[in-house]
Amino acid sequence: MDYTTNLINVIGTQASPASLTTDYTDNMLTITCDGMESVDLNLYFTSSAANSTLVWKVEFSNDNSYFFGEDALSVSGSTVTHSATQVEHQWTPGSTGIKYKNLTISNIGVKYLKLSFKYDTAGGTLWAEGRLKEKHI
């Protein structure tokens, strides 16, 4: 199977990473991903303390106006319960300095994908880049 990939700069740059805050609205990006199968993200997180935690959320939209968060659910017997809030992803590297993480968001199925980043507990900086992947049949 062949893929086409397009490099995108998501947050900050290698030379000038973004300073994170505790508010999602300070570091977010909407990606036009119509027709793309997945997005591979490379995160370069510089933690200021051993307990620095990078937090992010992923939202989806077909019109770039209304965004819908990921769903979390649990199953007990024949009952499926959906969470009342949006899924938040967290990563605590456990030491200071630059740490690296690769993430894949697959089965996108919408035209727009919004990524929002913040920190929890202690600060840090972030440079994130990604590749949009389109499958050719």
C-alpha atoms as a PDB file:
ATOM      1  CA  MET A   1       0.000   0.000   0.000  1.00  0.00           C
ATOM      2  CA  ASP A   2       1.361   3.429  -0.966  1.00  0.00           C
ATOM      3  CA  TYR A   3       0.948   6.574   1.113  1.00  0.00           C
ATOM      4  CA  THR A   4       1.331  10.272   0.415  1.00  0.00           C
ATOM      5  CA  THR A   5       2.586  12.293   3.367  1.00  0.00           C
ATOM      6  CA  ASN A   6       2.612  16.039   3.923  1.00  0.00           C
ATOM      7  CA  LEU A   7       4.788  17.560   6.664  1.00  0.00           C
ATOM      8  CA  ILE A   8       3.030  20.118   8.868  1.00  0.00           C
ATOM      9  CA  ASN A   9       4.407  22.267  11.667  1.00  0.00           C
ATOM     10  CA  VAL A  10       1.890  22.010  14.466  1.00  0.00           C
ATOM     11  CA  ILE A  11       3.063  24.018  17.486  1.00  0.00           C
ATOM     12  CA  GLY A  12       6.223  26.112  17.881  1.00  0.00           C
ATOM     13  CA  THR A  13       9.428  25.428  15.944  1.00  0.00           C
ATOM     14  CA  GLN A  14      12.579  23.518  16.702  1.00  0.00           C
ATOM     15  CA  ALA A  15      14.463  26.798  17.170  1.00  0.00           C
ATOM     16  CA  SER A  16      11.650  28.408  19.143  1.00  0.00           C
ATOM     17  CA  PRO A  17       9.355  25.950  20.942  1.00  0.00           C
ATOM     18  CA  ALA A  18       6.039  27.253  22.250  1.00  0.00           C
ATOM     19  CA  SER A  19       5.804  28.093  25.953  1.00  0.00           C
ATOM     20  CA  LEU A  20       2.917  26.141  27.385  1.00  0.00           C
ATOM     21  CA  THR A  21       0.289  27.592  29.697  1.00  0.00           C
ATOM     22  CA  THR A  22      -2.541  26.008  31.664  1.00  0.00           C
ATOM     23  CA  ASP A  23      -5.050  27.124  29.003  1.00  0.00           C
ATOM     24  CA  TYR A  24      -5.762  25.144  25.829  1.00  0.00           C
ATOM     25  CA  THR A  25      -6.574  28.292  23.827  1.00  0.00           C
ATOM     26  CA  ASP A  26      -2.943  29.476  23.949  1.00  0.00           C
ATOM     27  CA  ASN A  27      -1.558  26.531  21.945  1.00  0.00           C
ATOM     28  CA  MET A  28      -3.978  25.051  19.463  1.00  0.00           C
ATOM     29  CA  LEU A  29      -3.989  24.351  15.763  1.00  0.00           C
ATOM     30  CA  THR A  30      -6.649  23.295  13.306  1.00  0.00           C
ATOM     31  CA  ILE A  31      -5.460  21.030  10.493  1.00  0.00           C
ATOM     32  CA  THR A  32      -7.310  20.589   7.220  1.00  0.00           C
ATOM     33  CA  CYS A  33      -7.221  16.840   6.764  1.00  0.00           C
ATOM     34  CA  ASP A  34      -9.983  16.087   4.243  1.00  0.00           C
ATOM     35  CA  GLY A  35      -9.204  12.758   2.618  1.00  0.00           C
ATOM     36  CA  MET A  36      -6.373  11.922   5.011  1.00  0.00           C
ATOM     37  CA  GLU A  37      -6.362   8.602   6.791  1.00  0.00           C
ATOM     38  CA  SER A  38      -4.177   9.531   9.752  1.00  0.00           C
ATOM     39  CA  VAL A  39      -1.873  12.098  11.329  1.00  0.00           C
ATOM     40  CA  ASP A  40       1.458  11.114  12.856  1.00  0.00           C
ATOM     41  CA  LEU A  41       2.638  13.613  15.481  1.00  0.00           C
ATOM     42  CA  ASN A  42       6.162  14.021  16.813  1.00  0.00           C
ATOM     43  CA  LEU A  43       6.185  15.784  20.174  1.00  0.00           C
ATOM     44  CA  TYR A  44       9.345  17.421  21.559  1.00  0.00           C
ATOM     45  CA  PHE A  45       8.472  18.338  25.136  1.00  0.00           C
ATOM     46  CA  THR A  46      10.981  20.144  27.342  1.00  0.00           C
ATOM     47  CA  SER A  47       9.799  19.683  30.909  1.00  0.00           C
ATOM     48  CA  SER A  48      10.775  22.215  33.549  1.00  0.00           C
ATOM     49  CA  ALA A  49      10.360  19.729  36.429  1.00  0.00           C
ATOM     50  CA  ALA A  50      10.239  15.969  36.849  1.00  0.00           C
ATOM     51  CA  ASN A  51       6.482  16.142  37.404  1.00  0.00           C
ATOM     52  CA  SER A  52       5.734  18.306  34.317  1.00  0.00           C
ATOM     53  CA  THR A  53       2.734  16.910  32.487  1.00  0.00           C
ATOM     54  CA  LEU A  54       1.843  17.627  28.876  1.00  0.00           C
ATOM     55  CA  VAL A  55      -1.918  17.531  28.317  1.00  0.00           C
ATOM     56  CA  TRP A  56      -3.715  17.588  24.961  1.00  0.00           C
ATOM     57  CA  LYS A  57      -7.096  17.021  23.417  1.00  0.00           C
ATOM     58  CA  VAL A  58      -8.193  16.119  19.912  1.00  0.00           C
ATOM     59  CA  GLU A  59     -11.381  17.463  18.347  1.00  0.00           C
ATOM     60  CA  PHE A  60     -13.086  16.746  15.023  1.00  0.00           C
ATOM     61  CA  SER A  61     -15.217  18.878  12.672  1.00  0.00           C
ATOM     62  CA  ASN A  62     -16.733  18.797   9.197  1.00  0.00           C
ATOM     63  CA  ASP A  63     -17.326  22.566   8.963  1.00  0.00           C
ATOM     64  CA  ASN A  64     -14.448  24.135  10.982  1.00  0.00           C
ATOM     65  CA  SER A  65     -17.050  25.752  13.272  1.00  0.00           C
ATOM     66  CA  TYR A  66     -18.417  23.016  15.504  1.00  0.00           C
ATOM     67  CA  PHE A  67     -15.806  20.687  16.995  1.00  0.00           C
ATOM     68  CA  PHE A  68     -16.560  17.391  18.684  1.00  0.00           C
ATOM     69  CA  GLY A  69     -14.295  15.797  21.282  1.00  0.00           C
ATOM     70  CA  GLU A  70     -13.235  12.199  21.583  1.00  0.00           C
ATOM     71  CA  ASP A  71     -15.562   9.926  23.473  1.00  0.00           C
ATOM     72  CA  ALA A  72     -14.607   7.679  26.354  1.00  0.00           C
ATOM     73  CA  LEU A  73     -16.906   4.848  27.251  1.00  0.00           C
ATOM     74  CA  SER A  74     -17.163   1.957  29.625  1.00  0.00           C
ATOM     75  CA  VAL A  75     -19.167  -1.229  29.317  1.00  0.00           C
ATOM     76  CA  SER A  76     -20.834  -3.065  32.182  1.00  0.00           C
ATOM     77  CA  GLY A  77     -22.967  -5.987  31.102  1.00  0.00           C
ATOM     78  CA  SER A  78     -25.263  -4.666  28.385  1.00  0.00           C
ATOM     79  CA  THR A  79     -24.894  -0.998  29.447  1.00  0.00           C
ATOM     80  CA  VAL A  80     -22.560   1.349  27.601  1.00  0.00           C
ATOM     81  CA  THR A  81     -21.806   4.545  29.525  1.00  0.00           C
ATOM     82  CA  HIS A  82     -20.298   7.571  27.755  1.00  0.00           C
ATOM     83  CA  SER A  83     -18.233  10.103  29.669  1.00  0.00           C
ATOM     84  CA  ALA A  84     -19.697  13.496  30.469  1.00  0.00           C
ATOM     85  CA  THR A  85     -16.490  15.290  29.502  1.00  0.00           C
ATOM     86  CA  GLN A  86     -14.046  15.199  26.640  1.00  0.00           C
ATOM     87  CA  VAL A  87     -11.037  12.882  26.662  1.00  0.00           C
ATOM     88  CA  GLU A  88      -7.767  14.481  27.760  1.00  0.00           C
ATOM     89  CA  HIS A  89      -4.467  12.812  26.952  1.00  0.00           C
ATOM     90  CA  GLN A  90      -1.609  13.187  29.461  1.00  0.00           C
ATOM     91  CA  TRP A  91       2.102  12.435  29.350  1.00  0.00           C
ATOM     92  CA  THR A  92       4.462  12.877  32.311  1.00  0.00           C
ATOM     93  CA  PRO A  93       8.025  12.048  31.171  1.00  0.00           C
ATOM     94  CA  GLY A  94       9.305  11.812  34.771  1.00  0.00           C
ATOM     95  CA  SER A  95      12.465  13.907  34.375  1.00  0.00           C
ATOM     96  CA  THR A  96      13.569  17.320  33.127  1.00  0.00           C
ATOM     97  CA  GLY A  97      14.930  18.066  29.673  1.00  0.00           C
ATOM     98  CA  ILE A  98      13.777  17.257  26.162  1.00  0.00           C
ATOM     99  CA  LYS A  99      11.633  14.155  25.764  1.00  0.00           C
ATOM    100  CA  TYR A 100      10.258  12.696  22.554  1.00  0.00           C
ATOM    101  CA  LYS A 101       6.943  11.003  21.801  1.00  0.00           C
ATOM    102  CA  ASN A 102       5.274   9.842  18.570  1.00  0.00           C
ATOM    103  CA  LEU A 103       1.480   9.639  18.391  1.00  0.00           C
ATOM    104  CA  THR A 104      -0.844   8.500  15.634  1.00  0.00           C
ATOM    105  CA  ILE A 105      -4.399   9.717  15.226  1.00  0.00           C
ATOM    106  CA  SER A 106      -6.082   7.371  12.777  1.00  0.00           C
ATOM    107  CA  ASN A 107      -9.449   6.878  11.101  1.00  0.00           C
ATOM    108  CA  ILE A 108      -9.974  10.636  11.015  1.00  0.00           C
ATOM    109  CA  GLY A 109     -13.053  10.706   8.750  1.00  0.00           C
ATOM    110  CA  VAL A 110     -13.620  14.490   8.953  1.00  0.00           C
ATOM    111  CA  LYS A 111     -12.350  17.596   7.169  1.00  0.00           C
ATOM    112  CA  TYR A 112     -10.803  19.339  10.183  1.00  0.00           C
ATOM    113  CA  LEU A 113      -8.834  18.174  13.187  1.00  0.00           C
ATOM    114  CA  LYS A 114      -8.060  20.496  16.110  1.00  0.00           C
ATOM    115  CA  LEU A 115      -5.162  19.801  18.473  1.00  0.00           C
ATOM    116  CA  SER A 116      -4.897  21.753  21.719  1.00  0.00           C
ATOM    117  CA  PHE A 117      -2.007  21.563  24.205  1.00  0.00           C
ATOM    118  CA  LYS A 118      -1.427  22.793  27.756  1.00  0.00           C
ATOM    119  CA  TYR A 119       0.521  21.750  30.834  1.00  0.00           C
ATOM    120  CA  ASP A 120      -0.593  20.500  34.213  1.00  0.00           C
ATOM    121  CA  THR A 121       1.454  20.576  37.465  1.00  0.00           C
ATOM    122  CA  ALA A 122       4.660  22.177  36.101  1.00  0.00           C
ATOM    123  CA  GLY A 123       5.487  24.051  32.906  1.00  0.00           C
ATOM    124  CA  GLY A 124       7.459  23.321  29.811  1.00  0.00           C
ATOM    125  CA  THR A 125       7.854  24.076  26.125  1.00  0.00           C
ATOM    126  CA  LEU A 126       6.626  22.165  23.104  1.00  0.00           C
ATOM    127  CA  TRP A 127       7.563  21.768  19.496  1.00  0.00           C
ATOM    128  CA  ALA A 128       5.210  19.483  17.619  1.00  0.00           C
ATOM    129  CA  GLU A 129       5.330  18.489  13.982  1.00  0.00           C
ATOM    130  CA  GLY A 130       3.175  16.079  12.078  1.00  0.00           C
ATOM    131  CA  ARG A 131       2.626  14.191   8.874  1.00  0.00           C
ATOM    132  CA  LEU A 132      -0.728  13.802   7.218  1.00  0.00           C
ATOM    133  CA  LYS A 133      -0.998  10.350   5.639  1.00  0.00           C
ATOM    134  CA  GLU A 134      -3.237   9.544   2.686  1.00  0.00           C
ATOM    135  CA  LYS A 135      -3.607   5.938   1.558  1.00  0.00           C
ATOM    136  CA  HIS A 136      -3.548   5.126  -2.156  1.00  0.00           C
ATOM    137  CA  ILE A 137      -5.390   1.996  -3.232  1.00  0.00           C
END
